[in-house]
Amino acid sequence: MAVHKREQFTEAEQQLATIAKALGHPARVAILKLLAKRQACVCGELVLELPLSQSTVSQHLKELKAAGLVQGEVDGPRVCYCIDPAGWARARQLLGGLLAELPNTNNCC
């Protein structure tokens, strides 16, 4: 089995993999949908709308922030989160590029 190092992949491929990993959990998708619907920064209200504990929501927000999909701003003792417009633009560009490269038909086997 071949061993691959991250350096062997393009920056775009690495970024897309990070974004895909962040989107790979249904709780994170739900969080993004809530943030997009509100179109504003949200501090503690996410926990009220999700069947998750505060610590679990915080961990998911940390992953989304690390992927560049959300941004957080400290507001006293809490952090307020919202969609990161630049991060979303990059995600759209990368996902669109990947989808454009894939065939529209099933040419397998």
C-alpha atoms as a PDB file:
ATOM      1  CA  MET A   1       0.000   0.000   0.000  1.00  0.00           C
ATOM      2  CA  ALA A   2       1.397   3.388  -0.965  1.00  0.00           C
ATOM      3  CA  VAL A   3       1.885   6.010   1.709  1.00  0.00           C
ATOM      4  CA  HIS A   4       0.888   9.528   0.668  1.00  0.00           C
ATOM      5  CA  LYS A   5       2.029  12.675   2.341  1.00  0.00           C
ATOM      6  CA  ARG A   6      -0.160  15.781   2.344  1.00  0.00           C
ATOM      7  CA  GLU A   7       2.619  17.669   0.548  1.00  0.00           C
ATOM      8  CA  GLN A   8       2.042  15.485  -2.514  1.00  0.00           C
ATOM      9  CA  PHE A   9      -1.395  17.032  -3.007  1.00  0.00           C
ATOM     10  CA  THR A  10      -2.181  20.522  -4.207  1.00  0.00           C
ATOM     11  CA  GLU A  11      -3.220  23.244  -1.780  1.00  0.00           C
ATOM     12  CA  ALA A  12      -6.679  23.230  -3.381  1.00  0.00           C
ATOM     13  CA  GLU A  13      -7.015  19.461  -2.861  1.00  0.00           C
ATOM     14  CA  GLN A  14      -5.993  19.809   0.771  1.00  0.00           C
ATOM     15  CA  GLN A  15      -8.429  22.688   1.339  1.00  0.00           C
ATOM     16  CA  LEU A  16     -11.275  20.767  -0.286  1.00  0.00           C
ATOM     17  CA  ALA A  17     -10.545  17.731   1.885  1.00  0.00           C
ATOM     18  CA  THR A  18     -10.656  19.911   5.015  1.00  0.00           C
ATOM     19  CA  ILE A  19     -13.990  21.405   3.940  1.00  0.00           C
ATOM     20  CA  ALA A  20     -15.412  17.991   3.057  1.00  0.00           C
ATOM     21  CA  LYS A  21     -14.373  16.646   6.451  1.00  0.00           C
ATOM     22  CA  ALA A  22     -16.058  19.578   8.182  1.00  0.00           C
ATOM     23  CA  LEU A  23     -19.247  18.966   6.188  1.00  0.00           C
ATOM     24  CA  GLY A  24     -19.082  15.236   6.913  1.00  0.00           C
ATOM     25  CA  HIS A  25     -21.155  15.363  10.103  1.00  0.00           C
ATOM     26  CA  PRO A  26     -24.919  16.011  10.091  1.00  0.00           C
ATOM     27  CA  ALA A  27     -24.694  18.216  13.193  1.00  0.00           C
ATOM     28  CA  ARG A  28     -22.293  20.537  11.373  1.00  0.00           C
ATOM     29  CA  VAL A  29     -24.596  20.696   8.375  1.00  0.00           C
ATOM     30  CA  ALA A  30     -27.475  21.580  10.709  1.00  0.00           C
ATOM     31  CA  ILE A  31     -25.378  24.269  12.403  1.00  0.00           C
ATOM     32  CA  LEU A  32     -24.453  25.800   9.041  1.00  0.00           C
ATOM     33  CA  LYS A  33     -28.082  25.788   7.945  1.00  0.00           C
ATOM     34  CA  LEU A  34     -29.119  27.579  11.140  1.00  0.00           C
ATOM     35  CA  LEU A  35     -26.375  30.180  10.746  1.00  0.00           C
ATOM     36  CA  ALA A  36     -27.255  30.743   7.089  1.00  0.00           C
ATOM     37  CA  LYS A  37     -30.948  31.107   7.896  1.00  0.00           C
ATOM     38  CA  ARG A  38     -30.284  33.735  10.556  1.00  0.00           C
ATOM     39  CA  GLN A  39     -27.824  35.709   8.413  1.00  0.00           C
ATOM     40  CA  ALA A  40     -26.382  37.107  11.631  1.00  0.00           C
ATOM     41  CA  CYS A  41     -24.008  36.111  14.362  1.00  0.00           C
ATOM     42  CA  VAL A  42     -25.401  33.645  16.878  1.00  0.00           C
ATOM     43  CA  CYS A  43     -24.025  33.231  20.368  1.00  0.00           C
ATOM     44  CA  GLY A  44     -25.843  30.764  22.599  1.00  0.00           C
ATOM     45  CA  GLU A  45     -29.049  30.148  20.697  1.00  0.00           C
ATOM     46  CA  LEU A  46     -27.696  27.236  18.662  1.00  0.00           C
ATOM     47  CA  VAL A  47     -27.847  24.949  21.683  1.00  0.00           C
ATOM     48  CA  LEU A  48     -31.553  25.748  22.079  1.00  0.00           C
ATOM     49  CA  GLU A  49     -32.271  24.610  18.520  1.00  0.00           C
ATOM     50  CA  LEU A  50     -30.156  21.459  18.372  1.00  0.00           C
ATOM     51  CA  PRO A  51     -30.449  18.151  20.245  1.00  0.00           C
ATOM     52  CA  LEU A  52     -26.848  18.541  21.423  1.00  0.00           C
ATOM     53  CA  SER A  53     -25.073  19.669  24.557  1.00  0.00           C
ATOM     54  CA  GLN A  54     -23.245  23.002  24.725  1.00  0.00           C
ATOM     55  CA  SER A  55     -19.874  21.257  24.694  1.00  0.00           C
ATOM     56  CA  THR A  56     -20.789  19.208  21.600  1.00  0.00           C
ATOM     57  CA  VAL A  57     -22.022  22.282  19.725  1.00  0.00           C
ATOM     58  CA  SER A  58     -18.831  24.102  20.680  1.00  0.00           C
ATOM     59  CA  GLN A  59     -16.703  21.243  19.340  1.00  0.00           C
ATOM     60  CA  HIS A  60     -18.578  21.244  16.029  1.00  0.00           C
ATOM     61  CA  LEU A  61     -18.242  25.022  15.751  1.00  0.00           C
ATOM     62  CA  LYS A  62     -14.509  24.658  16.381  1.00  0.00           C
ATOM     63  CA  GLU A  63     -14.252  22.213  13.455  1.00  0.00           C
ATOM     64  CA  LEU A  64     -16.276  24.495  11.177  1.00  0.00           C
ATOM     65  CA  LYS A  65     -14.112  27.448  12.147  1.00  0.00           C
ATOM     66  CA  ALA A  66     -10.916  25.478  11.503  1.00  0.00           C
ATOM     67  CA  ALA A  67     -12.218  24.682   8.016  1.00  0.00           C
ATOM     68  CA  GLY A  68     -12.867  28.390   7.411  1.00  0.00           C
ATOM     69  CA  LEU A  69     -16.625  27.993   7.046  1.00  0.00           C
ATOM     70  CA  VAL A  70     -17.616  30.042  10.091  1.00  0.00           C
ATOM     71  CA  GLN A  71     -16.034  32.862  12.015  1.00  0.00           C
ATOM     72  CA  GLY A  72     -16.264  33.569  15.702  1.00  0.00           C
ATOM     73  CA  GLU A  73     -16.122  36.835  17.580  1.00  0.00           C
ATOM     74  CA  VAL A  74     -15.644  37.103  21.325  1.00  0.00           C
ATOM     75  CA  ASP A  75     -18.537  38.936  22.986  1.00  0.00           C
ATOM     76  CA  GLY A  76     -17.804  39.060  26.698  1.00  0.00           C
ATOM     77  CA  PRO A  77     -17.809  35.544  28.138  1.00  0.00           C
ATOM     78  CA  ARG A  78     -19.174  33.961  24.951  1.00  0.00           C
ATOM     79  CA  VAL A  79     -18.252  33.607  21.299  1.00  0.00           C
ATOM     80  CA  CYS A  80     -20.695  34.622  18.585  1.00  0.00           C
ATOM     81  CA  TYR A  81     -20.549  32.688  15.318  1.00  0.00           C
ATOM     82  CA  CYS A  82     -21.648  33.434  11.773  1.00  0.00           C
ATOM     83  CA  ILE A  83     -20.959  32.227   8.245  1.00  0.00           C
ATOM     84  CA  ASP A  84     -17.538  33.312   6.959  1.00  0.00           C
ATOM     85  CA  PRO A  85     -18.292  34.828   3.525  1.00  0.00           C
ATOM     86  CA  ALA A  86     -14.748  34.375   2.213  1.00  0.00           C
ATOM     87  CA  GLY A  87     -14.646  30.790   3.431  1.00  0.00           C
ATOM     88  CA  TRP A  88     -17.958  30.003   1.770  1.00  0.00           C
ATOM     89  CA  ALA A  89     -16.824  31.587  -1.474  1.00  0.00           C
ATOM     90  CA  ARG A  90     -13.708  29.385  -1.432  1.00  0.00           C
ATOM     91  CA  ALA A  91     -15.768  26.281  -0.597  1.00  0.00           C
ATOM     92  CA  ARG A  92     -18.120  26.994  -3.516  1.00  0.00           C
ATOM     93  CA  GLN A  93     -15.165  27.487  -5.849  1.00  0.00           C
ATOM     94  CA  LEU A  94     -13.461  24.263  -4.775  1.00  0.00           C
ATOM     95  CA  LEU A  95     -16.622  22.141  -4.786  1.00  0.00           C
ATOM     96  CA  GLY A  96     -17.707  23.607  -8.106  1.00  0.00           C
ATOM     97  CA  GLY A  97     -14.322  22.802  -9.623  1.00  0.00           C
ATOM     98  CA  LEU A  98     -14.494  19.219  -8.421  1.00  0.00           C
ATOM     99  CA  LEU A  99     -18.040  18.730  -9.682  1.00  0.00           C
ATOM    100  CA  ALA A 100     -17.112  20.229 -13.058  1.00  0.00           C
ATOM    101  CA  GLU A 101     -14.315  17.662 -13.425  1.00  0.00           C
ATOM    102  CA  LEU A 102     -16.577  14.688 -12.734  1.00  0.00           C
ATOM    103  CA  PRO A 103     -18.508  13.135 -15.611  1.00  0.00           C
ATOM    104  CA  ASN A 104     -22.270  13.599 -15.782  1.00  0.00           C
ATOM    105  CA  THR A 105     -22.835   9.954 -16.681  1.00  0.00           C
ATOM    106  CA  ASN A 106     -21.950   6.688 -15.034  1.00  0.00           C
ATOM    107  CA  ASN A 107     -19.106   5.251 -17.122  1.00  0.00           C
ATOM    108  CA  CYS A 108     -18.124   2.698 -14.518  1.00  0.00           C
ATOM    109  CA  CYS A 109     -17.622  -0.958 -15.347  1.00  0.00           C
END
